[in-house]
Protein backbone atom coordinates (compact mmCIF):
# COMPACT_ATOMS: atom_id res chain seq x y z
CA MET A 1 -24.47 21.11 -19.83
CA THR A 2 -21.24 19.08 -19.73
CA THR A 3 -21.10 16.35 -17.11
CA ALA A 4 -17.76 15.63 -15.49
CA PRO A 5 -16.40 12.16 -16.29
CA THR A 6 -16.84 9.56 -13.59
CA PRO A 7 -13.46 8.89 -11.95
CA GLU A 8 -12.19 5.39 -11.30
CA ILE A 9 -11.64 4.08 -7.78
CA VAL A 10 -7.96 4.76 -7.27
CA ASP A 11 -6.02 3.58 -4.23
CA GLU A 12 -3.57 6.07 -2.76
CA THR A 13 -0.77 3.48 -3.00
CA GLU A 14 -0.73 4.15 -6.74
CA TRP A 15 0.40 7.70 -5.97
CA PRO A 16 4.00 8.36 -4.90
CA ARG A 17 4.35 10.01 -1.49
CA ASN A 18 6.61 12.68 -2.96
CA GLY A 19 6.18 14.05 -6.44
CA ALA A 20 3.40 13.51 -8.95
CA PRO A 21 2.06 10.20 -10.29
CA SER A 22 2.25 9.35 -13.96
CA ASP A 23 -0.40 10.80 -16.26
CA GLU A 24 -1.86 7.30 -16.59
CA VAL A 25 -2.58 7.21 -12.85
CA LEU A 26 -3.43 10.91 -12.59
CA PHE A 27 -6.11 10.68 -15.27
CA LYS A 28 -7.88 7.88 -13.40
CA GLY A 29 -9.16 10.51 -10.99
CA PRO A 30 -8.48 11.46 -7.35
CA PRO A 31 -7.30 8.66 -5.06
CA THR A 32 -9.31 7.34 -2.14
CA LEU A 33 -7.30 8.38 0.89
CA SER A 34 -7.04 5.92 3.76
CA ARG A 35 -8.18 6.68 7.28
CA ARG A 36 -4.58 6.42 8.41
CA THR A 37 -3.48 9.10 5.94
CA ILE A 38 -6.32 11.40 7.00
CA MET A 39 -5.60 10.88 10.69
CA THR A 40 -1.83 11.36 10.32
CA THR A 41 -2.32 14.57 8.33
CA THR A 42 -4.83 15.85 10.90
CA VAL A 43 -2.50 15.19 13.86
CA VAL A 44 0.52 16.82 12.19
CA CYS A 45 -1.54 19.90 11.25
CA PHE A 46 -2.91 20.12 14.81
CA LEU A 47 0.57 19.98 16.35
CA ALA A 48 1.94 22.46 13.82
CA TRP A 49 -0.82 24.90 14.80
CA VAL A 50 -0.35 24.33 18.55
CA PHE A 51 3.33 25.25 18.44
CA SER A 52 2.78 28.10 15.98
CA VAL A 53 0.29 29.56 18.49
CA TYR A 54 2.70 28.76 21.33
CA ASP A 55 5.37 30.93 19.67
CA PHE A 56 2.87 33.64 18.77
CA VAL A 57 1.39 33.92 22.28
CA LEU A 58 4.70 33.43 24.12
CA PHE A 59 5.98 36.75 22.79
CA GLY A 60 3.07 38.69 24.29
CA THR A 61 3.34 36.75 27.55
CA LEU A 62 7.05 37.45 27.99
CA LEU A 63 7.16 41.00 26.57
CA PRO A 64 7.24 42.56 30.08
CA LYS A 65 10.34 40.48 30.93
CA ILE A 66 11.96 41.33 27.60
CA SER A 67 11.27 45.02 28.33
CA GLU A 68 12.96 44.71 31.73
CA THR A 69 16.08 43.26 30.09
CA PHE A 70 16.42 46.17 27.64
CA GLY A 71 15.09 48.88 29.96
CA TRP A 72 12.10 49.84 27.81
CA THR A 73 9.27 51.96 29.15
CA THR A 74 5.67 50.82 28.75
CA GLY A 75 5.25 53.24 25.85
CA GLU A 76 8.37 51.93 24.12
CA ALA A 77 7.26 48.32 24.59
CA THR A 78 3.85 49.15 23.11
CA ALA A 79 5.46 50.81 20.09
CA ILE A 80 7.72 47.80 19.57
CA ALA A 81 4.73 45.45 19.81
CA THR A 82 2.99 47.54 17.13
CA GLY A 83 6.09 47.28 14.94
CA VAL A 84 6.03 43.51 15.40
CA THR A 85 2.35 43.43 14.36
CA VAL A 86 3.13 45.37 11.18
CA GLY A 87 6.04 43.03 10.39
CA THR A 88 3.83 40.01 11.03
CA PHE A 89 1.27 41.40 8.59
CA VAL A 90 3.86 41.95 5.84
CA VAL A 91 5.40 38.48 6.15
CA SER A 92 2.01 36.76 6.31
CA LEU A 93 1.19 38.18 2.86
CA LEU A 94 3.68 35.71 1.39
CA VAL A 95 1.71 32.63 2.44
CA GLY A 96 -1.18 32.92 -0.04
CA PRO A 97 0.95 32.93 -3.21
CA MET A 98 3.13 30.22 -1.68
CA LEU A 99 0.10 27.94 -1.20
CA ASP A 100 -1.12 28.39 -4.76
CA ARG A 101 2.27 28.07 -6.46
CA TRP A 102 4.48 25.88 -4.29
CA GLY A 103 1.79 23.61 -2.89
CA ARG A 104 -0.01 22.80 0.35
CA LYS A 105 2.56 20.44 1.89
CA PRO A 106 5.61 22.69 1.26
CA SER A 107 3.66 25.62 2.71
CA LEU A 108 2.91 23.60 5.85
CA ILE A 109 6.62 22.93 6.30
CA VAL A 110 7.67 26.55 5.61
CA THR A 111 5.11 28.13 7.95
CA THR A 112 5.89 25.68 10.74
CA ALA A 113 9.62 26.26 10.26
CA GLY A 114 8.88 30.00 10.44
CA ALA A 115 7.43 29.53 13.92
CA ALA A 116 10.55 27.63 14.99
CA LEU A 117 12.89 30.25 13.54
CA SER A 118 11.04 33.14 15.15
CA SER A 119 11.28 31.40 18.54
CA GLY A 120 14.93 30.46 18.15
CA PHE A 121 16.08 33.84 16.86
CA THR A 122 14.10 35.70 19.55
CA ALA A 123 16.45 34.10 22.07
CA LEU A 124 19.35 35.89 20.36
CA VAL A 125 17.97 39.41 19.87
CA GLY A 126 20.03 42.37 21.03
CA GLY A 127 17.52 45.20 20.92
CA ALA A 128 14.33 46.67 19.49
CA ALA A 129 15.28 46.57 15.79
CA SER A 130 16.42 42.96 15.85
CA LEU A 131 13.37 41.94 17.89
CA ILE A 132 10.96 43.51 15.39
CA GLY A 133 12.79 41.88 12.48
CA VAL A 134 12.89 38.46 14.10
CA ARG A 135 9.30 38.52 15.35
CA ALA A 136 8.09 39.50 11.88
CA ILE A 137 8.96 35.93 10.88
CA SER A 138 6.15 34.81 13.20
CA GLY A 139 3.81 35.99 10.43
CA LEU A 140 4.52 32.59 8.86
CA GLY A 141 3.42 30.80 12.02
CA TYR A 142 0.35 33.04 12.33
CA SER A 143 -0.69 32.00 8.80
CA GLU A 144 -0.18 28.30 9.49
CA GLU A 145 -3.91 28.02 10.20
CA VAL A 146 -4.61 29.19 6.63
CA VAL A 147 -2.39 26.39 5.34
CA ASN A 148 -4.34 23.95 7.50
CA SER A 149 -7.67 25.20 6.18
CA VAL A 150 -6.62 24.88 2.53
CA TYR A 151 -4.71 21.62 2.90
CA LEU A 152 -7.25 19.77 5.03
CA ASN A 153 -10.18 21.03 2.96
CA GLU A 154 -8.70 19.16 0.02
CA MET A 155 -7.60 16.12 2.00
CA TYR A 156 -10.97 15.64 3.73
CA GLY A 157 -12.93 15.90 0.48
CA LYS A 158 -16.66 15.60 1.15
CA SER A 159 -16.54 13.66 4.39
CA ARG A 160 -19.77 14.39 6.24
CA ARG A 161 -17.82 15.15 9.43
CA ARG A 162 -15.10 17.26 7.85
CA GLY A 163 -16.00 20.47 9.68
CA PHE A 164 -16.01 18.73 13.06
CA MET A 165 -12.70 17.04 12.23
CA PHE A 166 -11.19 20.42 11.39
CA SER A 167 -12.52 21.95 14.61
CA PHE A 168 -10.14 19.69 16.58
CA VAL A 169 -7.23 21.05 14.53
CA GLN A 170 -8.35 24.65 15.03
CA SER A 171 -8.70 24.06 18.78
CA GLY A 172 -4.91 24.10 18.82
CA TRP A 173 -5.21 27.85 19.51
CA PRO A 174 -6.35 27.60 23.17
CA VAL A 175 -4.09 24.55 23.65
CA GLY A 176 -1.07 26.49 22.38
CA ALA A 177 -2.02 29.58 24.41
CA LEU A 178 -2.33 27.56 27.61
CA LEU A 179 0.99 25.79 26.93
CA ALA A 180 2.70 29.15 26.47
CA ALA A 181 1.27 30.47 29.74
CA ALA A 182 2.12 27.27 31.62
CA PHE A 183 5.71 27.04 30.32
CA ALA A 184 6.30 30.72 31.10
CA ALA A 185 4.94 30.32 34.64
CA VAL A 186 6.95 27.16 35.39
CA LEU A 187 10.24 27.88 33.62
CA LEU A 188 10.67 31.63 34.08
CA PRO A 189 11.73 31.31 37.76
CA LEU A 190 14.29 28.66 36.71
CA MET A 191 15.75 30.23 33.57
CA GLY A 192 15.64 33.48 31.61
CA TRP A 193 13.15 34.30 28.87
CA ARG A 194 15.77 33.61 26.19
CA TRP A 195 15.98 29.93 27.15
CA ILE A 196 12.19 29.59 27.10
CA PHE A 197 12.10 30.81 23.49
CA LEU A 198 15.00 28.54 22.56
CA LEU A 199 13.31 25.46 24.05
CA ALA A 200 10.21 26.19 21.95
CA THR A 201 12.11 25.31 18.78
CA PHE A 202 12.76 21.64 19.56
CA PRO A 203 9.20 20.22 19.37
CA VAL A 204 8.77 21.97 16.02
CA VAL A 205 11.74 20.08 14.57
CA ILE A 206 9.89 16.82 15.21
CA ILE A 207 6.77 18.23 13.54
CA LEU A 208 8.83 19.27 10.51
CA ILE A 209 10.18 15.73 10.12
CA ALA A 210 6.65 14.31 10.37
CA GLY A 211 5.35 16.93 7.92
CA SER A 212 7.94 15.98 5.33
CA LYS A 213 6.42 12.48 5.20
CA LEU A 214 2.88 13.68 4.43
CA ARG A 215 1.25 13.49 1.02
CA GLU A 216 0.59 16.51 -1.13
CA SER A 217 -3.07 17.27 -1.72
CA PRO A 218 -4.23 15.35 -4.84
CA SER A 219 -6.17 18.45 -5.88
CA PHE A 220 -3.04 20.57 -5.95
CA VAL A 221 -1.09 17.87 -7.79
CA ALA A 222 -3.80 17.88 -10.46
CA LEU A 223 -3.95 21.69 -10.54
CA LYS A 224 -0.20 21.90 -11.04
CA ARG A 225 -0.40 19.37 -13.87
CA THR A 226 -3.19 21.29 -15.62
CA ARG A 227 -0.91 24.33 -15.64
CA GLU A 228 1.88 22.28 -17.20
CA LEU A 229 -0.49 20.87 -19.82
CA ARG A 230 -1.80 24.31 -20.73
CA ALA A 231 1.74 25.66 -20.98
CA ALA A 232 2.48 22.83 -23.42
CA GLY A 233 -0.59 23.74 -25.50
CA ARG A 234 -2.60 20.65 -24.44
CA GLU A 235 -5.80 22.49 -23.53
CA THR A 236 -8.07 19.48 -24.09
CA ASP A 237 -6.07 17.29 -21.69
CA ALA A 238 -5.94 20.11 -19.14
CA SER A 239 -9.72 20.56 -19.28
CA ARG A 240 -10.32 16.81 -18.96
CA LEU A 241 -8.06 16.61 -15.91
CA ALA A 242 -9.74 19.65 -14.36
CA GLU A 243 -13.15 17.99 -14.76
CA LEU A 244 -11.96 14.80 -13.09
CA TYR A 245 -10.78 16.75 -10.03
CA ASN A 246 -13.61 19.32 -10.07
CA LEU A 247 -11.15 22.17 -10.67
CA ASP A 248 -12.10 25.58 -12.05
CA ILE A 249 -9.19 26.68 -14.26
CA SER A 250 -11.09 29.24 -16.31
CA ARG A 251 -9.03 32.21 -15.09
CA ASP A 252 -5.93 30.38 -13.89
CA ASN A 253 -3.68 32.30 -16.30
CA GLU A 254 -4.38 35.59 -14.47
CA SER A 255 -2.67 36.88 -11.34
CA GLY A 256 -4.17 35.74 -8.04
CA LEU A 257 -5.16 39.22 -6.84
CA ARG A 258 -6.78 40.04 -10.17
CA GLN A 259 -8.87 36.87 -9.91
CA LEU A 260 -9.94 37.73 -6.35
CA PHE A 261 -11.37 41.06 -7.46
CA ALA A 262 -12.92 39.80 -10.69
CA PRO A 263 -16.75 40.08 -10.76
CA ASP A 264 -17.31 36.45 -9.69
CA LEU A 265 -15.27 36.77 -6.47
CA ARG A 266 -15.10 40.51 -5.69
CA ARG A 267 -18.01 40.76 -3.25
CA HIS A 268 -17.04 37.54 -1.53
CA THR A 269 -13.43 38.68 -1.08
CA LEU A 270 -14.44 42.10 0.27
CA CYS A 271 -17.10 40.77 2.66
CA LEU A 272 -14.87 38.00 3.98
CA SER A 273 -11.96 40.40 4.48
CA GLY A 274 -14.24 42.91 6.21
CA ALA A 275 -15.62 40.19 8.49
CA TRP A 276 -12.08 39.27 9.59
CA LEU A 277 -11.17 42.92 10.17
CA PHE A 278 -14.23 43.79 12.26
CA ASN A 279 -14.17 40.55 14.22
CA TRP A 280 -10.51 40.99 15.13
CA MET A 281 -11.45 44.33 16.62
CA GLY A 282 -13.51 42.22 19.02
CA ILE A 283 -10.63 39.76 19.47
CA GLN A 284 -8.29 42.61 20.37
CA VAL A 285 -10.68 44.23 22.84
CA PHE A 286 -12.10 41.14 24.56
CA SER A 287 -9.31 38.57 24.25
CA VAL A 288 -6.01 40.45 24.06
CA LEU A 289 -7.12 43.39 26.24
CA GLY A 290 -9.72 41.40 28.15
CA THR A 291 -8.04 41.90 31.52
CA THR A 292 -8.14 45.69 31.08
CA VAL A 293 -11.81 45.65 30.05
CA LEU A 294 -12.78 43.49 33.03
CA THR A 295 -10.81 45.43 35.63
CA ASP A 296 -11.33 49.01 34.42
CA GLY A 297 -14.76 48.58 32.85
CA LYS A 298 -16.50 46.06 35.10
CA GLY A 299 -14.61 46.33 38.39
CA VAL A 300 -13.42 42.72 38.39
CA SER A 301 -10.29 42.17 40.50
CA PHE A 302 -7.04 41.47 38.67
CA SER A 303 -6.69 37.99 40.24
CA SER A 304 -10.24 37.11 39.16
CA ALA A 305 -9.51 38.43 35.68
CA LEU A 306 -6.58 36.02 35.35
CA VAL A 307 -8.84 33.11 36.31
CA VAL A 308 -11.32 34.31 33.70
CA LEU A 309 -8.62 34.24 31.01
CA ILE A 310 -7.95 30.59 31.80
CA LEU A 311 -11.68 29.85 31.61
CA ALA A 312 -11.77 31.82 28.37
CA ASN A 313 -9.39 29.39 26.71
CA LEU A 314 -11.58 26.50 27.85
CA ALA A 315 -14.65 28.29 26.48
CA GLY A 316 -12.78 28.84 23.21
CA PHE A 317 -11.87 25.16 22.97
CA LEU A 318 -15.47 24.06 23.50
CA GLY A 319 -16.64 26.78 21.13
CA TYR A 320 -14.42 25.46 18.35
CA LEU A 321 -15.84 21.95 18.68
CA PHE A 322 -19.45 23.16 18.93
CA HIS A 323 -19.28 25.43 15.89
CA GLY A 324 -17.37 22.83 13.87
CA TYR A 325 -20.11 20.30 14.60
CA LEU A 326 -22.90 22.81 13.94
CA GLY A 327 -21.33 23.92 10.67
CA ASP A 328 -21.60 20.39 9.29
CA ARG A 329 -25.32 20.40 10.02
CA ILE A 330 -26.69 23.86 9.22
CA GLY A 331 -23.91 25.21 6.99
CA ARG A 332 -20.67 26.94 7.92
CA ARG A 333 -21.66 30.36 6.58
CA THR A 334 -24.86 30.34 8.63
CA THR A 335 -22.98 29.12 11.70
CA ILE A 336 -20.48 31.99 11.45
CA MET A 337 -23.19 34.62 10.99
CA VAL A 338 -25.29 33.38 13.90
CA GLY A 339 -22.32 32.81 16.21
CA TRP A 340 -20.72 36.23 15.79
CA THR A 341 -24.06 38.05 15.95
CA ILE A 342 -24.97 36.30 19.20
CA GLY A 343 -21.48 37.00 20.50
CA GLY A 344 -21.87 40.72 19.86
CA VAL A 345 -25.20 40.74 21.69
CA VAL A 346 -23.79 38.77 24.66
CA MET A 347 -20.73 41.03 25.01
CA THR A 348 -22.99 44.09 24.88
CA ALA A 349 -25.19 42.63 27.63
CA MET A 350 -22.07 41.86 29.67
CA LEU A 351 -20.72 45.41 29.29
CA PHE A 352 -23.93 47.24 30.19
CA GLY A 353 -25.22 44.71 32.72
CA PRO A 354 -24.53 44.63 36.48
CA ASN A 355 -20.95 45.07 37.75
CA ASN A 356 -21.17 41.78 39.57
CA SER A 357 -18.61 38.98 39.13
CA ALA A 358 -21.37 36.35 39.32
CA TYR A 359 -22.91 38.00 36.24
CA VAL A 360 -19.85 39.32 34.41
CA ILE A 361 -17.69 36.19 34.41
CA PRO A 362 -20.27 33.74 32.94
CA MET A 363 -21.37 36.33 30.36
CA TYR A 364 -17.76 37.07 29.39
CA ALA A 365 -17.00 33.35 28.97
CA LEU A 366 -20.18 32.90 26.90
CA GLY A 367 -19.23 35.87 24.75
CA LEU A 368 -15.81 34.35 24.05
CA PHE A 369 -17.52 31.05 23.23
CA PHE A 370 -19.32 32.84 20.38
CA LEU A 371 -16.38 35.09 19.50
CA ASN A 372 -13.66 32.45 19.14
CA GLY A 373 -15.69 29.33 18.39
CA PRO A 374 -16.93 30.28 14.89
CA TYR A 375 -13.34 30.42 13.66
CA SER A 376 -13.31 26.63 13.32
CA ALA A 377 -16.18 27.00 10.83
CA MET A 378 -14.68 30.16 9.28
CA LEU A 379 -11.26 28.70 8.49
CA PHE A 380 -12.74 25.62 6.83
CA TYR A 381 -15.39 27.70 5.06
CA MET A 382 -12.68 29.88 3.51
CA GLY A 383 -10.97 26.81 2.11
CA GLU A 384 -14.14 25.59 0.40
CA SER A 385 -15.46 29.00 -0.67
CA PHE A 386 -12.60 29.85 -3.04
CA PRO A 387 -11.78 27.82 -6.18
CA ALA A 388 -8.58 25.77 -5.96
CA ARG A 389 -6.70 28.11 -8.31
CA VAL A 390 -6.87 30.94 -5.70
CA ARG A 391 -7.70 28.94 -2.59
CA GLY A 392 -4.47 29.93 -0.89
CA ILE A 393 -4.27 33.63 -1.77
CA GLY A 394 -8.02 34.09 -1.30
CA SER A 395 -8.04 32.61 2.20
CA ASN A 396 -4.85 34.43 3.16
CA THR A 397 -6.07 37.81 1.86
CA ALA A 398 -9.02 37.65 4.25
CA HIS A 399 -6.88 36.19 7.03
CA VAL A 400 -4.25 38.95 7.03
CA MET A 401 -6.95 41.50 7.78
CA GLY A 402 -6.94 40.12 11.34
CA PRO A 403 -3.84 42.06 12.50
CA VAL A 404 -5.20 45.17 10.76
CA GLY A 405 -8.43 44.82 12.75
CA ALA A 406 -6.40 44.37 15.94
CA ILE A 407 -4.54 47.62 15.35
CA ILE A 408 -7.78 49.47 14.55
CA GLY A 409 -9.47 47.98 17.62
CA SER A 410 -6.69 49.16 19.95
CA ALA A 411 -6.58 52.60 18.34
CA LEU A 412 -10.36 53.04 18.47
CA LEU A 413 -10.50 51.90 22.10
CA SER A 414 -7.85 54.48 23.03
CA LEU A 415 -9.55 57.18 20.95
CA VAL A 416 -12.99 56.70 22.52
CA ILE A 417 -11.51 56.71 26.03
CA GLY A 418 -9.47 59.79 25.12
CA LEU A 419 -12.68 61.57 24.11
CA GLY A 420 -13.98 61.10 27.64
CA ALA A 421 -16.03 57.91 27.42
CA ASP A 422 -15.69 55.22 30.08
CA ALA A 423 -14.05 51.84 29.41
CA THR A 424 -17.43 50.11 29.07
CA THR A 425 -18.64 52.39 26.28
CA ALA A 426 -15.25 52.26 24.56
CA ALA A 427 -15.26 48.45 24.62
CA PHE A 428 -18.73 48.44 23.08
CA VAL A 429 -17.75 50.77 20.24
CA ALA A 430 -14.38 49.16 19.49
CA GLY A 431 -15.25 45.54 20.26
CA ALA A 432 -18.89 44.44 20.57
CA LEU A 433 -20.04 46.55 17.62
CA GLY A 434 -17.24 45.08 15.49
CA MET A 435 -18.34 41.54 16.38
CA PHE A 436 -21.92 42.29 15.34
CA LEU A 437 -20.82 43.90 12.05
CA SER A 438 -18.62 40.91 11.22
CA GLY A 439 -21.65 38.63 11.43
CA VAL A 440 -23.68 40.97 9.21
CA LEU A 441 -20.91 41.13 6.59
CA MET A 442 -21.00 37.35 6.21
CA LEU A 443 -24.39 37.84 4.50
CA GLY A 444 -22.44 39.04 1.46
CA ALA A 445 -20.13 36.01 1.36
CA ARG A 446 -20.72 33.15 -1.08
CA LYS A 447 -23.11 30.32 -0.35
CA VAL A 448 -21.22 27.03 -0.61
CA SER A 449 -22.68 23.60 -1.22
CA GLN A 450 -21.88 21.15 1.58
CA ASP A 451 -23.19 18.02 -0.14
CA GLU A 452 -22.08 14.90 1.70
CA ASP A 453 -20.68 11.63 0.48
CA ASP A 454 -21.86 8.41 2.05
CA ALA A 455 -18.33 7.43 3.07
CA SER A 456 -16.81 8.95 6.17
CA VAL A 457 -13.66 9.71 4.21
CA ALA A 458 -14.26 10.54 0.57
CA PRO A 459 -11.86 11.05 -2.33
CA ALA A 460 -10.10 14.39 -2.15
CA ALA A 461 -11.68 17.04 -4.34
CA ALA A 462 -11.19 20.72 -4.94
């Protein structure tokens, strides 16, 4: 068995901030990244995710006001929202290949800019067609979390707290959602919805400037160089560089999708994609349509349901931190399986338990804790479960199944109710059952070593 060469201790100052270092420096091995670099990258990724979520959630929050402006009926608004979801799905497909070919840092900038553009252009739309086209760009912002998972996985290396560190970044979802709700509530009486979307672009400009000053992942720099060496016929040098950075380049000359469905990754890709699809059925039913489930299915008043949604974001925030911490200790794959399985059981107990607010509200919040929280472990797990050569397209292929699951969840909920079932039974079939199945599907995903380094911040590795 061939043992990888022992890399030298390389300081990051030997690497240029933009561009690749010389081969002399590159072949010394991955640099030791400073705490300042790690912290700066973490903060920028967190803010990029917050404002990507802000744009993503703001559209749903303000859709009723947009509908009033254009005179759309509820049915028309729903159809337009479905069109936006389809457009989001199509655009988000671009992010995986971008990550693996352009790089992690450029992808961070493009996806964040996509969130800014979708917000800014939404302020200028003149009707349904332009709105669907403009909001499709938000697929870039939606996929910003995939960029974070791939980029930070490589920047954190084998730090023993890397999952917990990433959970803070992923917690940008409830933060962004609450910001969107707060800004809409405060600013809508003072200005129209167009101005609210326009104002959302300015913080992102600052993030883009900060993002341009970040370092590219050393793993991607090395991966890109191995491709150049192989193209030049220098296979021995390419293999030596790949060993130094722990890169698997055995199938790197094949297309990304073909690699994902090759025998070594096929089951993992299918199970991970299925887990995203089924779990997003639960997201759609209990998060997006949570108010409807609580009011129609459990008899909770509308005002109480709104309070619950605020508590839900708090539960999600705490859930991200808890599952990020737990993933570092018992393994991220195990954490995801256990979390989503428990979540499915809790939501089932909530649905078929007493119609009493004192029972329903705590159980609903607990269910969301186990529904949303495991995503901090899931996003980071995806980054470490695929080899660097397909880390972007692999993670994104599973990730884009989320909107598909949301569409199926809504359709199934409507179908079951249309067949005569009550809202409680429909929510179980379309939501709770999907949560449970997503946890079961994770059994087929790859087991990943989470060996720790002694240092709190270790050299970046693929």
